[in-house]
Protein backbone atom coordinates (compact mmCIF):
# COMPACT_ATOMS: atom_id res chain seq x y z
CA MET A 1 8.27 11.05 -14.25
CA LEU A 2 10.50 13.80 -12.87
CA ILE A 3 14.28 13.18 -13.89
CA LEU A 4 16.78 14.51 -11.66
CA LEU A 5 20.46 15.10 -13.88
CA GLY A 6 23.18 15.20 -12.03
CA PHE A 7 26.76 16.96 -13.35
CA GLY A 8 30.32 16.01 -11.54
CA TYR A 9 33.40 14.77 -11.80
CA PHE A 10 34.53 11.34 -10.34
CA SER A 11 37.74 9.54 -9.96
CA ASP A 12 38.31 5.92 -11.29
CA ALA A 13 38.18 4.71 -7.88
CA ASN A 14 34.73 5.62 -7.19
CA ALA A 15 33.10 5.85 -10.62
CA GLN A 16 31.25 3.11 -9.84
CA PHE A 17 29.16 3.89 -7.54
CA ASN A 18 28.58 7.46 -8.18
CA SER A 19 26.87 5.91 -11.40
CA LEU A 20 24.29 3.81 -9.47
CA GLU A 21 23.48 5.97 -7.40
CA ILE A 22 22.99 9.09 -10.86
CA ASP A 23 20.94 6.31 -12.47
CA SER A 24 18.72 5.25 -9.30
CA LEU A 25 18.40 9.06 -9.22
CA GLU A 26 17.22 9.44 -12.23
CA HIS A 27 15.35 6.46 -12.18
CA SER A 28 13.84 7.10 -8.18
CA GLY A 29 10.73 8.64 -9.42
CA SER A 30 7.87 10.52 -8.92
CA LEU A 31 5.13 9.13 -10.61
CA THR A 32 3.62 11.39 -13.13
CA PHE A 33 -0.50 12.86 -11.50
CA LYS A 34 -2.80 11.74 -14.43
CA TYR A 35 -6.26 12.03 -13.48
CA THR A 36 -7.35 8.41 -15.03
CA ASP A 37 -5.34 6.93 -11.67
CA LEU A 38 -7.71 8.38 -9.89
CA VAL A 39 -10.30 6.00 -11.16
CA ILE A 40 -10.19 2.71 -10.34
CA PRO A 41 -8.96 3.70 -6.59
CA ALA A 42 -12.47 6.26 -6.90
CA ILE A 43 -14.44 3.74 -7.65
CA LEU A 44 -13.63 0.84 -5.19
CA VAL A 45 -13.57 3.85 -2.26
CA GLY A 46 -17.71 5.17 -3.74
CA TYR A 47 -18.92 1.87 -3.70
CA GLY A 48 -17.90 1.86 -0.29
CA ILE A 49 -19.36 4.74 0.92
CA ILE A 50 -22.17 4.22 -0.76
CA GLY A 51 -22.84 0.77 0.68
CA LEU A 52 -23.03 2.70 4.22
CA GLU A 53 -26.66 3.70 2.74
CA SER A 54 -27.37 1.97 0.14
CA HIS A 55 -30.35 -0.94 0.89
CA SER A 56 -29.52 -2.89 -2.28
CA LEU A 57 -25.24 -3.13 -1.53
CA LEU A 58 -26.09 -3.54 2.46
CA SER A 59 -28.13 -6.69 0.46
CA ILE A 60 -25.61 -7.66 -1.71
CA ASN A 61 -23.62 -7.52 1.13
CA SER A 62 -25.67 -9.96 3.42
CA GLU A 63 -26.09 -12.24 -0.21
CA ILE A 64 -22.19 -12.69 -0.18
CA ARG A 65 -21.01 -13.21 3.09
CA GLU A 66 -24.02 -16.29 3.36
CA GLU A 67 -22.76 -17.82 0.79
CA VAL A 68 -18.50 -17.29 2.33
CA ASN A 69 -20.02 -19.03 5.63
CA GLU A 70 -22.12 -21.85 3.94
CA HIS A 71 -18.85 -22.84 2.72
CA ILE A 72 -16.73 -22.14 6.07
CA ASP A 73 -15.23 -25.60 7.69
CA GLU A 74 -12.80 -23.38 9.87
CA LYS A 75 -11.54 -19.30 9.85
CA VAL A 76 -7.17 -18.40 8.77
CA THR A 77 -5.71 -16.64 9.98
CA ILE A 78 -2.91 -15.93 6.87
CA ASP A 79 -4.98 -12.25 6.03
CA ASP A 80 -2.68 -11.67 9.06
CA PHE A 81 0.28 -11.76 7.56
CA SER A 82 -0.44 -11.96 3.36
CA GLN A 83 -1.78 -7.95 3.95
CA TYR A 84 2.71 -7.10 4.67
CA ALA A 85 3.59 -9.94 1.21
CA PRO A 86 3.19 -7.67 -1.49
CA VAL A 87 5.75 -4.97 0.52
CA LEU A 88 8.64 -7.46 1.57
CA SER A 89 8.96 -8.65 -1.76
CA VAL A 90 9.71 -5.51 -2.85
CA TYR A 91 13.03 -5.44 0.02
CA GLY A 92 12.99 -9.11 -1.08
CA LEU A 93 13.57 -8.58 -4.38
CA ASN A 94 16.00 -5.92 -3.81
CA ALA A 95 18.17 -8.34 -1.91
CA TYR A 96 17.90 -11.04 -4.17
CA GLY A 97 20.02 -9.05 -6.63
CA ILE A 98 16.80 -7.32 -8.92
CA LYS A 99 16.75 -4.00 -9.38
CA GLY A 100 13.12 -2.36 -8.32
CA LYS A 101 12.15 1.57 -9.63
CA ASN A 102 14.23 3.29 -6.70
CA ASN A 103 16.78 3.59 -4.50
CA PHE A 104 17.05 2.15 -0.93
CA GLY A 105 16.24 5.35 0.33
CA ASP A 106 13.85 6.87 -2.36
CA ARG A 107 11.31 3.46 -2.16
CA THR A 108 11.48 3.71 2.03
CA VAL A 109 9.98 7.05 1.78
CA VAL A 110 7.62 6.79 0.20
CA LEU A 111 6.84 3.75 1.68
CA ALA A 112 5.93 5.11 4.86
CA THR A 113 4.16 8.53 2.95
CA ALA A 114 2.02 5.89 1.85
CA TYR A 115 1.83 4.19 5.14
CA LEU A 116 1.22 7.90 6.69
CA ILE A 117 -1.56 8.35 4.61
CA MET A 118 -3.19 5.49 4.84
CA SER A 119 -3.35 4.47 8.20
CA PRO A 120 -4.69 7.82 9.93
CA THR A 121 -7.30 7.49 6.79
CA VAL A 122 -8.72 4.48 7.64
CA TYR A 123 -7.96 5.22 12.14
CA ALA A 124 -10.59 8.31 10.67
CA LEU A 125 -13.00 6.00 8.81
CA LYS A 126 -13.75 3.30 11.84
CA LYS A 127 -14.68 6.00 14.52
CA MET A 128 -16.80 7.95 12.72
CA THR A 129 -18.90 4.74 10.32
CA ARG A 130 -19.00 2.90 13.54
CA VAL A 131 -20.03 0.85 11.15
CA GLU A 132 -20.57 -3.47 12.86
CA ARG A 133 -18.57 -6.64 11.66
CA PRO A 134 -19.77 -9.80 10.52
CA ASP A 135 -18.95 -11.74 13.09
CA GLY A 136 -20.46 -9.12 15.39
CA SER A 137 -17.07 -8.58 17.51
CA SER A 138 -16.78 -4.70 17.79
CA LYS A 139 -18.22 -1.85 15.52
CA ASN A 140 -15.15 -1.14 13.16
CA SER A 141 -15.65 -2.66 10.44
CA PHE A 142 -15.41 0.24 7.62
CA PRO A 143 -13.26 -0.24 5.89
CA SER A 144 -11.33 -2.76 6.26
CA GLY A 145 -7.25 -2.23 7.27
CA HIS A 146 -5.54 -5.19 6.13
CA THR A 147 -7.13 -5.04 3.29
CA ALA A 148 -5.86 -1.04 2.95
CA THR A 149 -2.16 -2.02 3.88
CA ALA A 150 -2.23 -5.13 1.69
CA PHE A 151 -2.95 -2.67 -1.69
CA VAL A 152 -0.26 -0.27 -0.13
CA GLY A 153 2.27 -2.98 -0.85
CA ALA A 154 0.93 -4.37 -3.99
CA GLU A 155 0.48 -0.83 -5.57
CA PHE A 156 4.23 -0.04 -4.69
CA LEU A 157 5.53 -3.60 -6.37
CA TRP A 158 3.88 -3.20 -9.43
CA GLN A 159 5.66 0.64 -8.90
CA GLU A 160 9.01 -0.43 -7.85
CA TYR A 161 8.96 -4.19 -10.26
CA SER A 162 6.09 -4.18 -13.24
CA ASP A 163 8.90 -2.42 -15.74
CA VAL A 164 11.18 -5.17 -14.96
CA SER A 165 8.21 -8.19 -15.58
CA ILE A 166 4.65 -6.85 -15.77
CA TRP A 167 4.21 -10.33 -13.27
CA TYR A 168 5.44 -8.97 -10.07
CA GLY A 169 2.98 -6.26 -10.19
CA ILE A 170 -0.10 -8.22 -10.67
CA SER A 171 1.28 -10.82 -8.19
CA GLY A 172 0.90 -7.95 -5.13
CA TYR A 173 -2.21 -7.39 -6.18
CA ALA A 174 -3.65 -10.83 -6.30
CA VAL A 175 -1.84 -11.12 -2.14
CA ALA A 176 -3.87 -7.84 -2.13
CA ALA A 177 -7.26 -9.49 -3.17
CA GLY A 178 -6.48 -12.66 -1.86
CA THR A 179 -6.01 -10.90 1.18
CA GLY A 180 -9.42 -9.00 0.88
CA PHE A 181 -11.17 -12.08 0.36
CA PHE A 182 -9.72 -13.90 3.89
CA ARG A 183 -11.35 -11.05 5.58
CA MET A 184 -14.53 -12.11 4.09
CA TYR A 185 -13.46 -15.49 5.08
CA ASN A 186 -12.93 -14.88 8.08
CA ASN A 187 -16.48 -13.65 8.60
CA LYS A 188 -14.87 -9.45 9.98
CA HIS A 189 -15.35 -7.71 7.03
CA TRP A 190 -18.36 -6.86 4.67
CA LEU A 191 -17.87 -5.80 0.10
CA THR A 192 -18.08 -2.90 0.90
CA ASP A 193 -14.94 -2.90 3.51
CA ILE A 194 -12.57 -4.92 1.54
CA ALA A 195 -13.53 -2.57 -1.55
CA ALA A 196 -13.18 1.57 0.36
CA GLY A 197 -9.83 -0.86 2.17
CA ALA A 198 -8.36 -1.56 -1.48
CA GLY A 199 -8.91 1.99 -3.28
CA ILE A 200 -7.63 4.19 0.15
CA GLY A 201 -4.28 1.05 -0.47
CA ILE A 202 -4.10 1.63 -3.72
CA LEU A 203 -4.49 6.01 -3.32
CA SER A 204 -1.89 6.06 -0.74
CA THR A 205 1.08 4.85 -2.62
CA LYS A 206 -0.05 6.53 -6.03
CA ILE A 207 -0.30 10.07 -3.46
CA ALA A 208 2.61 8.58 -1.62
CA TYR A 209 4.69 8.75 -5.52
CA TRP A 210 3.59 11.14 -6.21
CA ILE A 211 4.86 14.46 -3.07
CA HIS A 212 7.64 12.44 -3.43
CA PRO A 213 9.98 14.78 -4.52
CA PHE A 214 8.50 17.67 -2.32
CA ILE A 215 9.44 15.41 0.48
CA LYS A 216 12.37 14.75 -0.76
CA GLU A 217 14.18 18.25 -1.36
CA LYS A 218 12.23 19.74 1.68
CA ILE A 219 12.41 17.44 4.62
CA PHE A 220 15.72 14.96 3.28
CA GLY A 221 17.50 17.69 1.65
CA ASN A 222 17.85 15.28 -1.75
CA GLU A 223 19.85 13.51 0.13
CA ASN A 224 19.39 9.87 0.65
CA GLY A 225 19.43 6.67 3.12
CA GLY A 226 17.93 8.61 5.58
CA ILE A 227 15.83 5.87 6.49
CA GLY A 228 16.75 3.09 8.54
CA ILE A 229 13.94 0.89 9.38
CA LEU A 230 10.55 0.66 8.14
CA MET A 231 7.09 -1.26 9.67
CA PRO A 232 3.56 -1.29 9.95
CA PHE A 233 2.04 -2.57 12.80
CA TYR A 234 -1.22 -3.33 13.59
CA ASN A 235 -2.12 -3.45 17.81
CA GLY A 236 -5.19 -5.01 17.71
CA LYS A 237 -7.11 -1.24 16.90
CA GLU A 238 -4.18 1.25 15.89
CA TYR A 239 -2.83 0.48 12.97
CA GLY A 240 0.18 2.88 11.97
CA VAL A 241 4.48 3.00 11.00
CA GLU A 242 7.68 2.60 13.11
CA MET A 243 10.55 4.55 11.40
CA MET A 244 14.28 4.79 12.24
CA LEU A 245 16.39 7.45 11.45
CA SER A 246 19.08 8.56 11.14
CA LEU A 247 19.79 12.45 10.32
């Protein structure tokens, strides 16, 4: 973890504020790069990519679809909302007074970076692979954008709050996994789409934490609070993130 140490003299009037700011910077961190952190997302993405051509994995896709469809009474739209639940939980917990690893500015820059890595990756793969959805509605099934979005948030929640309570991180991943399940339940994605989306989402957030010190220094000049509003979006065809900056 990158440790940022601040030295200086503070007046009594602003000593408490600056103390909190330094504490936030000291723990703002960045996630230390470890090769082992690549294992799970690599397995998930690899499974999805291999599944594009593997007859055995394609057969598993079909078997799972048939099994799920046997028990479908009606479609639900919870996955359209649950994909954002882990991200919103981070800001909700902070608003409730439960401090996470980073302050508002740092965490928001990390989140924006994660979305800016994930969104074009998902979009490019959809365009290149042109996998037909299980319901036949379009040929942009691989990978699952909803699942990628959900797992960006799950890893984000894990990084920010698992040190406070591991159950925050576990709940985020449970919601993300549920989002992936409901994408299959609604006949919108294959298992291989879900696996790849999950891997891309996790890896995007990890990369965002790894490169955060560089972005903070080179783009924001080590200043915090530059981000005003951040919100991911999906318009039916494109994924992205809307961001307002105050420079």
